[in-house]
Amino acid sequence: MPITFEEAVKLETVPIKDALELYDSLPATEPKEMIGAWRGSGMHTGHPMDGLLEAIEWYGKYYKSYEEVHPLVFKTKDGSSFFALDPAKAQFSYTPGDPLPKDLEAEVKTSDYKARLRNTEYRGKIAATMIYDNLPINDVFHKVDADTMLGAMDLKGSDLTHPFFFILRREKDNKVASAFGN
């Protein structure tokens, strides 16, 4: 019996075997279920990217439509609004504990959508997938419930037996959408 999602989120680090079993046990998500704003967090499994998104204060993702996706949303420096990061401009090396770029927002902010939603097959299931426009990355989603998704990052050239996992929780208010004029 796989670990439950509730058990997994209570762990500091989820063994990769358990994370994969949990992910595979969840139903695939349809692209239409992803539309809206989502708050993100990492699920640590010993992956080299564990802690990176939290360290750079990633907020989440915003799916306006199948063609209009902001894959990386952050709060503004003053915390009053949100901005989208251009993933192609954010190709900086980061090790936890290193200082972040002085003004991440100014260096990588974009108003252009940088990803899209499609169904793809991953680990034997056809599921909603966020495909980055300019990077070899697909984020594939399985449903915990209608408002919670477990994502697996499929990064070209990475270890397919150890994807980077993250959690998305649907935002109930319209603050993120409003920040993007929607």
N, C-alpha and C. Protein backbone atom coordinates (compact mmCIF):
# COMPACT_ATOMS: atom_id res chain seq x y z
N MET A 1 0.85 -1.19 0.00
CA MET A 1 0.00 0.00 0.00
C MET A 1 0.89 1.24 0.00
N PRO A 2 0.67 2.15 -0.98
CA PRO A 2 1.52 3.35 -1.02
C PRO A 2 1.23 4.27 0.17
N ILE A 3 2.21 5.09 0.45
CA ILE A 3 2.06 6.12 1.47
C ILE A 3 0.92 7.03 1.03
N THR A 4 0.17 7.58 1.97
CA THR A 4 -0.89 8.52 1.60
C THR A 4 -0.29 9.91 1.41
N PHE A 5 -1.03 10.76 0.72
CA PHE A 5 -0.58 12.13 0.52
C PHE A 5 -0.45 12.83 1.87
N GLU A 6 -1.41 12.62 2.74
CA GLU A 6 -1.38 13.25 4.07
C GLU A 6 -0.14 12.82 4.85
N GLU A 7 0.23 11.55 4.75
CA GLU A 7 1.44 11.07 5.41
C GLU A 7 2.69 11.70 4.80
N ALA A 8 2.69 11.79 3.46
CA ALA A 8 3.86 12.32 2.76
C ALA A 8 4.14 13.78 3.13
N VAL A 9 3.09 14.61 3.20
CA VAL A 9 3.33 16.03 3.48
C VAL A 9 3.81 16.26 4.91
N LYS A 10 3.63 15.30 5.78
CA LYS A 10 4.11 15.45 7.16
C LYS A 10 5.59 15.10 7.29
N LEU A 11 6.16 14.44 6.28
CA LEU A 11 7.55 14.02 6.33
C LEU A 11 8.48 15.13 5.86
N GLU A 12 9.64 15.24 6.50
CA GLU A 12 10.65 16.21 6.06
C GLU A 12 11.18 15.79 4.68
N THR A 13 11.43 14.49 4.52
CA THR A 13 11.87 13.94 3.24
C THR A 13 11.10 12.65 2.98
N VAL A 14 10.49 12.57 1.82
CA VAL A 14 9.74 11.38 1.42
C VAL A 14 10.69 10.48 0.65
N PRO A 15 10.87 9.23 1.06
CA PRO A 15 11.73 8.34 0.27
C PRO A 15 11.22 8.29 -1.18
N ILE A 16 12.13 8.34 -2.15
CA ILE A 16 11.73 8.42 -3.54
C ILE A 16 10.84 7.25 -3.94
N LYS A 17 11.09 6.07 -3.43
CA LYS A 17 10.25 4.90 -3.73
C LYS A 17 8.80 5.19 -3.32
N ASP A 18 8.61 5.77 -2.14
CA ASP A 18 7.27 6.10 -1.66
C ASP A 18 6.64 7.22 -2.48
N ALA A 19 7.43 8.23 -2.85
CA ALA A 19 6.90 9.34 -3.65
C ALA A 19 6.43 8.83 -5.01
N LEU A 20 7.21 7.96 -5.64
CA LEU A 20 6.82 7.41 -6.94
C LEU A 20 5.56 6.55 -6.82
N GLU A 21 5.48 5.72 -5.77
CA GLU A 21 4.28 4.89 -5.58
C GLU A 21 3.05 5.77 -5.35
N LEU A 22 3.19 6.82 -4.55
CA LEU A 22 2.08 7.74 -4.31
C LEU A 22 1.66 8.39 -5.62
N TYR A 23 2.60 8.96 -6.34
CA TYR A 23 2.31 9.63 -7.61
C TYR A 23 1.59 8.68 -8.57
N ASP A 24 2.12 7.49 -8.72
CA ASP A 24 1.54 6.51 -9.65
C ASP A 24 0.15 6.05 -9.21
N SER A 25 -0.15 6.11 -7.93
CA SER A 25 -1.45 5.66 -7.42
C SER A 25 -2.55 6.70 -7.63
N LEU A 26 -2.16 7.95 -7.87
CA LEU A 26 -3.14 9.03 -8.02
C LEU A 26 -3.69 9.07 -9.45
N PRO A 27 -4.94 9.52 -9.60
CA PRO A 27 -5.50 9.63 -10.96
C PRO A 27 -4.85 10.78 -11.74
N ALA A 28 -4.80 10.58 -13.04
CA ALA A 28 -4.29 11.63 -13.93
C ALA A 28 -5.25 12.82 -13.91
N THR A 29 -4.71 13.98 -14.23
CA THR A 29 -5.47 15.22 -14.26
C THR A 29 -5.70 15.63 -15.71
N GLU A 30 -6.85 16.23 -15.97
CA GLU A 30 -7.16 16.78 -17.30
C GLU A 30 -6.70 18.24 -17.35
N PRO A 31 -6.25 18.73 -18.51
CA PRO A 31 -5.83 20.13 -18.60
C PRO A 31 -6.87 21.13 -18.09
N LYS A 32 -8.15 20.89 -18.36
CA LYS A 32 -9.19 21.85 -17.92
C LYS A 32 -9.23 21.99 -16.40
N GLU A 33 -8.77 20.96 -15.67
CA GLU A 33 -8.76 21.01 -14.21
C GLU A 33 -7.66 21.92 -13.67
N MET A 34 -6.71 22.29 -14.52
CA MET A 34 -5.58 23.10 -14.08
C MET A 34 -5.84 24.60 -14.21
N ILE A 35 -6.87 24.99 -14.94
CA ILE A 35 -7.12 26.41 -15.17
C ILE A 35 -7.33 27.13 -13.82
N GLY A 36 -6.62 28.24 -13.65
CA GLY A 36 -6.70 29.02 -12.43
C GLY A 36 -5.33 29.25 -11.82
N ALA A 37 -5.32 29.79 -10.62
CA ALA A 37 -4.09 30.10 -9.90
C ALA A 37 -3.82 29.03 -8.85
N TRP A 38 -2.54 28.71 -8.68
CA TRP A 38 -2.13 27.64 -7.77
C TRP A 38 -0.97 28.10 -6.91
N ARG A 39 -1.02 27.76 -5.64
CA ARG A 39 0.07 28.00 -4.69
C ARG A 39 0.94 26.75 -4.68
N GLY A 40 2.23 26.90 -4.79
CA GLY A 40 3.12 25.76 -4.88
C GLY A 40 3.99 25.56 -3.66
N SER A 41 4.43 24.33 -3.49
CA SER A 41 5.41 23.98 -2.47
C SER A 41 6.15 22.73 -2.93
N GLY A 42 7.32 22.54 -2.39
CA GLY A 42 8.11 21.37 -2.76
C GLY A 42 7.71 20.14 -1.97
N MET A 43 7.99 18.98 -2.54
CA MET A 43 7.90 17.71 -1.81
C MET A 43 9.31 17.13 -1.87
N HIS A 44 10.01 17.21 -0.78
CA HIS A 44 11.41 16.82 -0.76
C HIS A 44 11.57 15.30 -0.77
N THR A 45 12.41 14.85 -1.73
CA THR A 45 12.65 13.41 -1.91
C THR A 45 14.13 13.09 -2.02
N GLY A 46 14.97 14.07 -1.73
CA GLY A 46 16.40 13.89 -1.92
C GLY A 46 16.85 14.28 -3.32
N HIS A 47 15.98 14.94 -4.07
CA HIS A 47 16.31 15.41 -5.42
C HIS A 47 17.26 16.61 -5.31
N PRO A 48 18.18 16.79 -6.25
CA PRO A 48 19.09 17.94 -6.19
C PRO A 48 18.38 19.30 -6.18
N MET A 49 17.14 19.37 -6.68
CA MET A 49 16.41 20.65 -6.69
C MET A 49 15.60 20.88 -5.41
N ASP A 50 15.58 19.93 -4.49
CA ASP A 50 14.83 20.12 -3.24
C ASP A 50 15.26 21.43 -2.57
N GLY A 51 14.29 22.24 -2.23
CA GLY A 51 14.55 23.50 -1.52
C GLY A 51 14.82 24.68 -2.42
N LEU A 52 15.06 24.46 -3.71
CA LEU A 52 15.38 25.56 -4.61
C LEU A 52 14.21 26.53 -4.76
N LEU A 53 13.03 26.02 -5.03
CA LEU A 53 11.88 26.91 -5.23
C LEU A 53 11.55 27.70 -3.97
N GLU A 54 11.65 27.05 -2.83
CA GLU A 54 11.39 27.75 -1.57
C GLU A 54 12.46 28.83 -1.34
N ALA A 55 13.69 28.51 -1.68
CA ALA A 55 14.79 29.46 -1.46
C ALA A 55 14.63 30.72 -2.29
N ILE A 56 14.07 30.58 -3.49
CA ILE A 56 13.89 31.76 -4.33
C ILE A 56 12.48 32.33 -4.19
N GLU A 57 11.76 31.83 -3.17
CA GLU A 57 10.45 32.33 -2.77
C GLU A 57 9.40 32.23 -3.89
N TRP A 58 9.41 31.08 -4.57
CA TRP A 58 8.40 30.78 -5.59
C TRP A 58 7.03 30.78 -4.94
N TYR A 59 6.06 31.38 -5.61
CA TYR A 59 4.70 31.40 -5.10
C TYR A 59 3.86 30.27 -5.70
N GLY A 60 3.89 30.12 -7.04
CA GLY A 60 3.10 29.07 -7.65
C GLY A 60 3.02 29.22 -9.16
N LYS A 61 1.87 28.84 -9.74
CA LYS A 61 1.66 28.83 -11.18
C LYS A 61 0.28 29.44 -11.49
N TYR A 62 0.17 29.96 -12.72
CA TYR A 62 -1.11 30.52 -13.15
C TYR A 62 -1.44 30.04 -14.56
N TYR A 63 -2.60 29.38 -14.67
CA TYR A 63 -3.07 28.85 -15.94
C TYR A 63 -4.31 29.64 -16.36
N LYS A 64 -4.14 30.57 -17.28
CA LYS A 64 -5.28 31.35 -17.78
C LYS A 64 -6.07 30.52 -18.79
N SER A 65 -5.37 29.79 -19.65
CA SER A 65 -5.99 28.93 -20.67
C SER A 65 -4.97 27.87 -21.06
N TYR A 66 -5.32 27.04 -22.00
CA TYR A 66 -4.38 26.00 -22.46
C TYR A 66 -3.13 26.60 -23.09
N GLU A 67 -3.25 27.77 -23.67
CA GLU A 67 -2.14 28.41 -24.36
C GLU A 67 -1.45 29.50 -23.55
N GLU A 68 -2.07 29.92 -22.46
CA GLU A 68 -1.56 31.06 -21.68
C GLU A 68 -1.27 30.62 -20.25
N VAL A 69 0.02 30.33 -20.03
CA VAL A 69 0.44 29.82 -18.73
C VAL A 69 1.66 30.59 -18.23
N HIS A 70 1.58 31.04 -16.99
CA HIS A 70 2.76 31.57 -16.29
C HIS A 70 3.26 30.44 -15.40
N PRO A 71 4.37 29.78 -15.79
CA PRO A 71 4.83 28.61 -15.05
C PRO A 71 5.47 28.93 -13.70
N LEU A 72 5.98 30.14 -13.56
CA LEU A 72 6.66 30.51 -12.31
C LEU A 72 6.18 31.89 -11.87
N VAL A 73 5.36 31.90 -10.82
CA VAL A 73 4.79 33.13 -10.28
C VAL A 73 5.41 33.41 -8.92
N PHE A 74 5.76 34.68 -8.69
CA PHE A 74 6.37 35.12 -7.44
C PHE A 74 5.62 36.33 -6.91
N LYS A 75 5.73 36.57 -5.61
CA LYS A 75 5.23 37.82 -5.03
C LYS A 75 6.25 38.91 -5.34
N THR A 76 5.73 40.13 -5.51
CA THR A 76 6.62 41.27 -5.70
C THR A 76 7.43 41.48 -4.43
N LYS A 77 8.51 42.22 -4.58
CA LYS A 77 9.42 42.44 -3.45
C LYS A 77 8.69 43.01 -2.23
N ASP A 78 7.72 43.92 -2.47
CA ASP A 78 6.98 44.52 -1.35
C ASP A 78 5.80 43.65 -0.89
N GLY A 79 5.56 42.52 -1.60
CA GLY A 79 4.51 41.60 -1.19
C GLY A 79 3.10 42.01 -1.56
N SER A 80 2.96 43.10 -2.30
CA SER A 80 1.63 43.63 -2.59
C SER A 80 0.97 43.03 -3.82
N SER A 81 1.75 42.36 -4.66
CA SER A 81 1.19 41.81 -5.90
C SER A 81 2.03 40.61 -6.33
N PHE A 82 1.92 40.25 -7.61
CA PHE A 82 2.61 39.08 -8.14
C PHE A 82 3.25 39.43 -9.48
N PHE A 83 4.28 38.68 -9.85
CA PHE A 83 4.87 38.80 -11.18
C PHE A 83 5.23 37.42 -11.69
N ALA A 84 5.31 37.32 -13.02
CA ALA A 84 5.71 36.07 -13.67
C ALA A 84 7.19 36.15 -14.01
N LEU A 85 7.87 35.07 -13.79
CA LEU A 85 9.29 34.96 -14.08
C LEU A 85 9.45 34.29 -15.45
N ASP A 86 10.37 34.79 -16.25
CA ASP A 86 10.70 34.16 -17.53
C ASP A 86 11.71 33.05 -17.25
N PRO A 87 11.29 31.78 -17.34
CA PRO A 87 12.20 30.68 -16.99
C PRO A 87 13.49 30.67 -17.80
N ALA A 88 13.44 31.11 -19.05
CA ALA A 88 14.65 31.12 -19.88
C ALA A 88 15.68 32.13 -19.39
N LYS A 89 15.22 33.20 -18.72
CA LYS A 89 16.14 34.21 -18.17
C LYS A 89 16.65 33.82 -16.79
N ALA A 90 16.03 32.83 -16.19
CA ALA A 90 16.37 32.46 -14.82
C ALA A 90 17.33 31.30 -14.77
N GLN A 91 18.19 31.21 -15.75
CA GLN A 91 19.15 30.11 -15.82
C GLN A 91 20.37 30.42 -14.96
N PHE A 92 20.13 30.61 -13.68
CA PHE A 92 21.25 30.85 -12.79
C PHE A 92 21.51 29.61 -11.95
N SER A 93 22.74 29.43 -11.59
CA SER A 93 23.12 28.29 -10.76
C SER A 93 22.82 28.66 -9.31
N TYR A 94 22.26 27.73 -8.58
CA TYR A 94 21.93 28.02 -7.19
C TYR A 94 22.20 26.80 -6.32
N THR A 95 22.85 27.04 -5.23
CA THR A 95 23.06 26.03 -4.20
C THR A 95 22.45 26.60 -2.92
N PRO A 96 21.62 25.82 -2.21
CA PRO A 96 21.04 26.36 -0.97
C PRO A 96 22.12 26.98 -0.09
N GLY A 97 21.82 28.18 0.39
CA GLY A 97 22.78 28.92 1.20
C GLY A 97 23.48 30.02 0.42
N ASP A 98 23.52 29.90 -0.92
CA ASP A 98 24.11 30.95 -1.76
C ASP A 98 23.20 32.17 -1.74
N PRO A 99 23.77 33.37 -1.91
CA PRO A 99 22.91 34.55 -2.01
C PRO A 99 22.15 34.52 -3.35
N LEU A 100 20.93 35.01 -3.32
CA LEU A 100 20.12 35.10 -4.53
C LEU A 100 20.51 36.35 -5.32
N PRO A 101 20.17 36.39 -6.61
CA PRO A 101 20.39 37.64 -7.35
C PRO A 101 19.77 38.80 -6.58
N LYS A 102 20.42 39.96 -6.57
CA LYS A 102 19.97 41.09 -5.77
C LYS A 102 18.53 41.52 -6.09
N ASP A 103 18.18 41.56 -7.35
CA ASP A 103 16.82 41.96 -7.71
C ASP A 103 16.27 40.98 -8.72
N LEU A 104 15.88 39.82 -8.22
CA LEU A 104 15.35 38.74 -9.07
C LEU A 104 14.22 39.25 -9.95
N GLU A 105 13.31 40.04 -9.37
CA GLU A 105 12.16 40.54 -10.11
C GLU A 105 12.58 41.35 -11.33
N ALA A 106 13.47 42.29 -11.16
CA ALA A 106 13.89 43.16 -12.27
C ALA A 106 14.61 42.36 -13.35
N GLU A 107 15.36 41.35 -12.96
CA GLU A 107 16.17 40.59 -13.92
C GLU A 107 15.36 39.62 -14.76
N VAL A 108 14.26 39.09 -14.24
CA VAL A 108 13.59 37.97 -14.92
C VAL A 108 12.09 38.14 -15.12
N LYS A 109 11.54 39.28 -14.78
CA LYS A 109 10.09 39.51 -14.90
C LYS A 109 9.65 39.50 -16.36
N THR A 110 8.44 38.95 -16.61
CA THR A 110 7.87 38.95 -17.94
C THR A 110 6.36 39.11 -17.87
N SER A 111 5.78 39.69 -18.90
CA SER A 111 4.33 39.72 -19.01
C SER A 111 3.86 38.67 -20.01
N ASP A 112 4.81 38.06 -20.73
CA ASP A 112 4.47 37.04 -21.72
C ASP A 112 4.26 35.69 -21.05
N TYR A 113 3.31 34.93 -21.57
CA TYR A 113 3.09 33.56 -21.08
C TYR A 113 4.22 32.70 -21.62
N LYS A 114 4.74 31.79 -20.79
CA LYS A 114 5.93 31.03 -21.13
C LYS A 114 5.73 29.52 -21.11
N ALA A 115 4.46 29.08 -21.13
CA ALA A 115 4.20 27.64 -21.16
C ALA A 115 2.78 27.41 -21.69
N ARG A 116 2.44 26.15 -21.90
CA ARG A 116 1.09 25.78 -22.34
C ARG A 116 0.71 24.45 -21.70
N LEU A 117 -0.57 24.12 -21.77
CA LEU A 117 -1.10 22.88 -21.20
C LEU A 117 -1.49 21.91 -22.31
N ARG A 118 -1.11 20.66 -22.14
CA ARG A 118 -1.49 19.59 -23.05
C ARG A 118 -1.56 18.30 -22.24
N ASN A 119 -2.12 17.27 -22.83
CA ASN A 119 -2.02 15.92 -22.28
C ASN A 119 -0.78 15.26 -22.86
N THR A 120 -0.02 14.59 -22.02
CA THR A 120 1.10 13.77 -22.48
C THR A 120 1.09 12.47 -21.69
N GLU A 121 1.84 11.51 -22.18
CA GLU A 121 1.97 10.25 -21.44
C GLU A 121 3.26 10.30 -20.64
N TYR A 122 3.15 9.94 -19.38
CA TYR A 122 4.30 9.92 -18.47
C TYR A 122 4.05 8.84 -17.44
N ARG A 123 4.98 7.97 -17.25
CA ARG A 123 4.89 6.87 -16.28
C ARG A 123 3.61 6.04 -16.49
N GLY A 124 3.25 5.85 -17.77
CA GLY A 124 2.15 4.97 -18.12
C GLY A 124 0.75 5.56 -18.07
N LYS A 125 0.64 6.87 -17.80
CA LYS A 125 -0.67 7.52 -17.76
C LYS A 125 -0.65 8.77 -18.64
N ILE A 126 -1.80 9.04 -19.25
CA ILE A 126 -1.96 10.29 -19.99
C ILE A 126 -2.51 11.31 -19.01
N ALA A 127 -1.79 12.42 -18.84
CA ALA A 127 -2.16 13.41 -17.82
C ALA A 127 -1.89 14.82 -18.30
N ALA A 128 -2.54 15.78 -17.63
CA ALA A 128 -2.30 17.20 -17.90
C ALA A 128 -0.82 17.49 -17.69
N THR A 129 -0.26 18.20 -18.66
CA THR A 129 1.16 18.50 -18.63
C THR A 129 1.38 19.96 -18.99
N MET A 130 2.15 20.65 -18.17
CA MET A 130 2.57 22.00 -18.49
C MET A 130 3.89 21.89 -19.22
N ILE A 131 3.91 22.39 -20.47
CA ILE A 131 5.09 22.31 -21.32
C ILE A 131 5.70 23.70 -21.41
N TYR A 132 6.94 23.83 -20.95
CA TYR A 132 7.64 25.11 -21.04
C TYR A 132 7.93 25.44 -22.50
N ASP A 133 7.80 26.70 -22.88
CA ASP A 133 8.03 27.11 -24.26
C ASP A 133 9.49 26.97 -24.68
N ASN A 134 10.42 27.37 -23.84
CA ASN A 134 11.82 27.47 -24.26
C ASN A 134 12.78 26.61 -23.45
N LEU A 135 12.25 25.68 -22.69
CA LEU A 135 13.10 24.80 -21.90
C LEU A 135 12.63 23.36 -22.07
N PRO A 136 13.52 22.40 -21.97
CA PRO A 136 13.13 20.99 -22.11
C PRO A 136 12.54 20.42 -20.81
N ILE A 137 11.43 21.04 -20.37
CA ILE A 137 10.80 20.66 -19.11
C ILE A 137 9.30 20.47 -19.31
N ASN A 138 8.78 19.38 -18.79
CA ASN A 138 7.35 19.12 -18.73
C ASN A 138 7.00 18.85 -17.27
N ASP A 139 5.99 19.53 -16.76
CA ASP A 139 5.46 19.25 -15.42
C ASP A 139 4.17 18.47 -15.60
N VAL A 140 4.12 17.25 -15.06
CA VAL A 140 3.00 16.35 -15.27
C VAL A 140 2.24 16.19 -13.96
N PHE A 141 0.89 16.34 -14.01
CA PHE A 141 0.08 16.43 -12.80
C PHE A 141 -0.84 15.24 -12.58
N HIS A 142 -0.83 14.78 -11.33
CA HIS A 142 -1.80 13.78 -10.87
C HIS A 142 -2.60 14.42 -9.74
N LYS A 143 -3.86 14.02 -9.63
CA LYS A 143 -4.81 14.67 -8.74
C LYS A 143 -4.88 14.00 -7.38
N VAL A 144 -4.63 14.80 -6.34
CA VAL A 144 -4.87 14.37 -4.96
C VAL A 144 -6.36 14.56 -4.67
N ASP A 145 -6.86 15.75 -5.01
CA ASP A 145 -8.29 16.06 -4.97
C ASP A 145 -8.50 17.24 -5.93
N ALA A 146 -9.71 17.75 -6.04
CA ALA A 146 -10.01 18.80 -7.01
C ALA A 146 -9.16 20.05 -6.84
N ASP A 147 -8.65 20.28 -5.64
CA ASP A 147 -7.89 21.50 -5.35
C ASP A 147 -6.44 21.25 -4.99
N THR A 148 -5.96 20.02 -5.19
CA THR A 148 -4.58 19.67 -4.84
C THR A 148 -4.01 18.75 -5.91
N MET A 149 -2.85 19.13 -6.45
CA MET A 149 -2.18 18.33 -7.47
C MET A 149 -0.77 17.99 -7.01
N LEU A 150 -0.32 16.81 -7.39
CA LEU A 150 1.07 16.42 -7.20
C LEU A 150 1.72 16.45 -8.57
N GLY A 151 2.74 17.28 -8.70
CA GLY A 151 3.43 17.43 -9.97
C GLY A 151 4.76 16.73 -9.96
N ALA A 152 5.13 16.20 -11.13
CA ALA A 152 6.44 15.61 -11.33
C ALA A 152 7.10 16.35 -12.49
N MET A 153 8.29 16.87 -12.25
CA MET A 153 9.01 17.58 -13.30
C MET A 153 9.81 16.57 -14.13
N ASP A 154 9.48 16.52 -15.41
CA ASP A 154 10.20 15.68 -16.35
C ASP A 154 11.16 16.59 -17.10
N LEU A 155 12.41 16.59 -16.69
CA LEU A 155 13.45 17.45 -17.24
C LEU A 155 14.34 16.62 -18.15
N LYS A 156 14.43 17.02 -19.40
CA LYS A 156 15.24 16.27 -20.36
C LYS A 156 16.66 16.08 -19.82
N GLY A 157 17.11 14.84 -19.87
CA GLY A 157 18.46 14.52 -19.40
C GLY A 157 18.55 14.19 -17.93
N SER A 158 17.42 14.29 -17.21
CA SER A 158 17.45 13.99 -15.77
C SER A 158 17.17 12.51 -15.53
N ASP A 159 17.36 12.10 -14.31
CA ASP A 159 17.13 10.72 -13.90
C ASP A 159 15.63 10.45 -13.86
N LEU A 160 15.14 9.64 -14.79
CA LEU A 160 13.70 9.36 -14.87
C LEU A 160 13.19 8.59 -13.66
N THR A 161 14.09 7.97 -12.91
CA THR A 161 13.65 7.24 -11.72
C THR A 161 13.58 8.13 -10.49
N HIS A 162 13.96 9.40 -10.65
CA HIS A 162 13.92 10.34 -9.51
C HIS A 162 13.53 11.74 -9.99
N PRO A 163 12.26 11.93 -10.39
CA PRO A 163 11.83 13.27 -10.80
C PRO A 163 11.76 14.21 -9.60
N PHE A 164 11.73 15.50 -9.90
CA PHE A 164 11.50 16.52 -8.88
C PHE A 164 10.00 16.60 -8.66
N PHE A 165 9.56 16.46 -7.41
CA PHE A 165 8.13 16.51 -7.07
C PHE A 165 7.78 17.84 -6.40
N PHE A 166 6.57 18.31 -6.68
CA PHE A 166 6.06 19.51 -6.02
C PHE A 166 4.54 19.40 -5.91
N ILE A 167 3.99 20.23 -5.04
CA ILE A 167 2.56 20.22 -4.74
C ILE A 167 1.97 21.55 -5.19
N LEU A 168 0.78 21.49 -5.79
CA LEU A 168 0.03 22.70 -6.13
C LEU A 168 -1.31 22.65 -5.41
N ARG A 169 -1.67 23.77 -4.77
CA ARG A 169 -2.97 23.90 -4.12
C ARG A 169 -3.70 25.09 -4.76
N ARG A 170 -4.93 24.85 -5.17
CA ARG A 170 -5.70 25.87 -5.87
C ARG A 170 -5.93 27.09 -4.96
N GLU A 171 -5.72 28.28 -5.53
CA GLU A 171 -6.00 29.52 -4.84
C GLU A 171 -7.50 29.80 -4.92
N LYS A 172 -8.10 30.13 -3.81
CA LYS A 172 -9.55 30.37 -3.76
C LYS A 172 -9.91 31.81 -4.09
N ASP A 173 -8.97 32.75 -3.89
CA ASP A 173 -9.26 34.14 -4.22
C ASP A 173 -8.72 34.45 -5.62
N ASN A 174 -8.90 35.65 -6.07
CA ASN A 174 -8.48 36.02 -7.42
C ASN A 174 -7.25 36.94 -7.42
N LYS A 175 -6.48 36.93 -6.34
CA LYS A 175 -5.34 37.85 -6.25
C LYS A 175 -4.32 37.63 -7.36
N VAL A 176 -3.98 36.39 -7.64
CA VAL A 176 -3.00 36.11 -8.67
C VAL A 176 -3.55 36.48 -10.03
N ALA A 177 -4.76 36.03 -10.36
CA ALA A 177 -5.38 36.37 -11.65
C ALA A 177 -5.49 37.88 -11.82
N SER A 178 -5.88 38.57 -10.77
CA SER A 178 -6.02 40.03 -10.83
C SER A 178 -4.69 40.70 -11.12
N ALA A 179 -3.62 40.15 -10.60
CA ALA A 179 -2.28 40.74 -10.83
C ALA A 179 -1.90 40.70 -12.30
N PHE A 180 -2.48 39.76 -13.05
CA PHE A 180 -2.19 39.63 -14.46
C PHE A 180 -3.31 40.18 -15.34
N GLY A 181 -4.19 40.98 -14.73
CA GLY A 181 -5.25 41.66 -15.48
C GLY A 181 -6.39 40.75 -15.90
N ASN A 182 -6.63 39.71 -15.15
CA ASN A 182 -7.70 38.76 -15.51
C ASN A 182 -8.75 38.66 -14.41
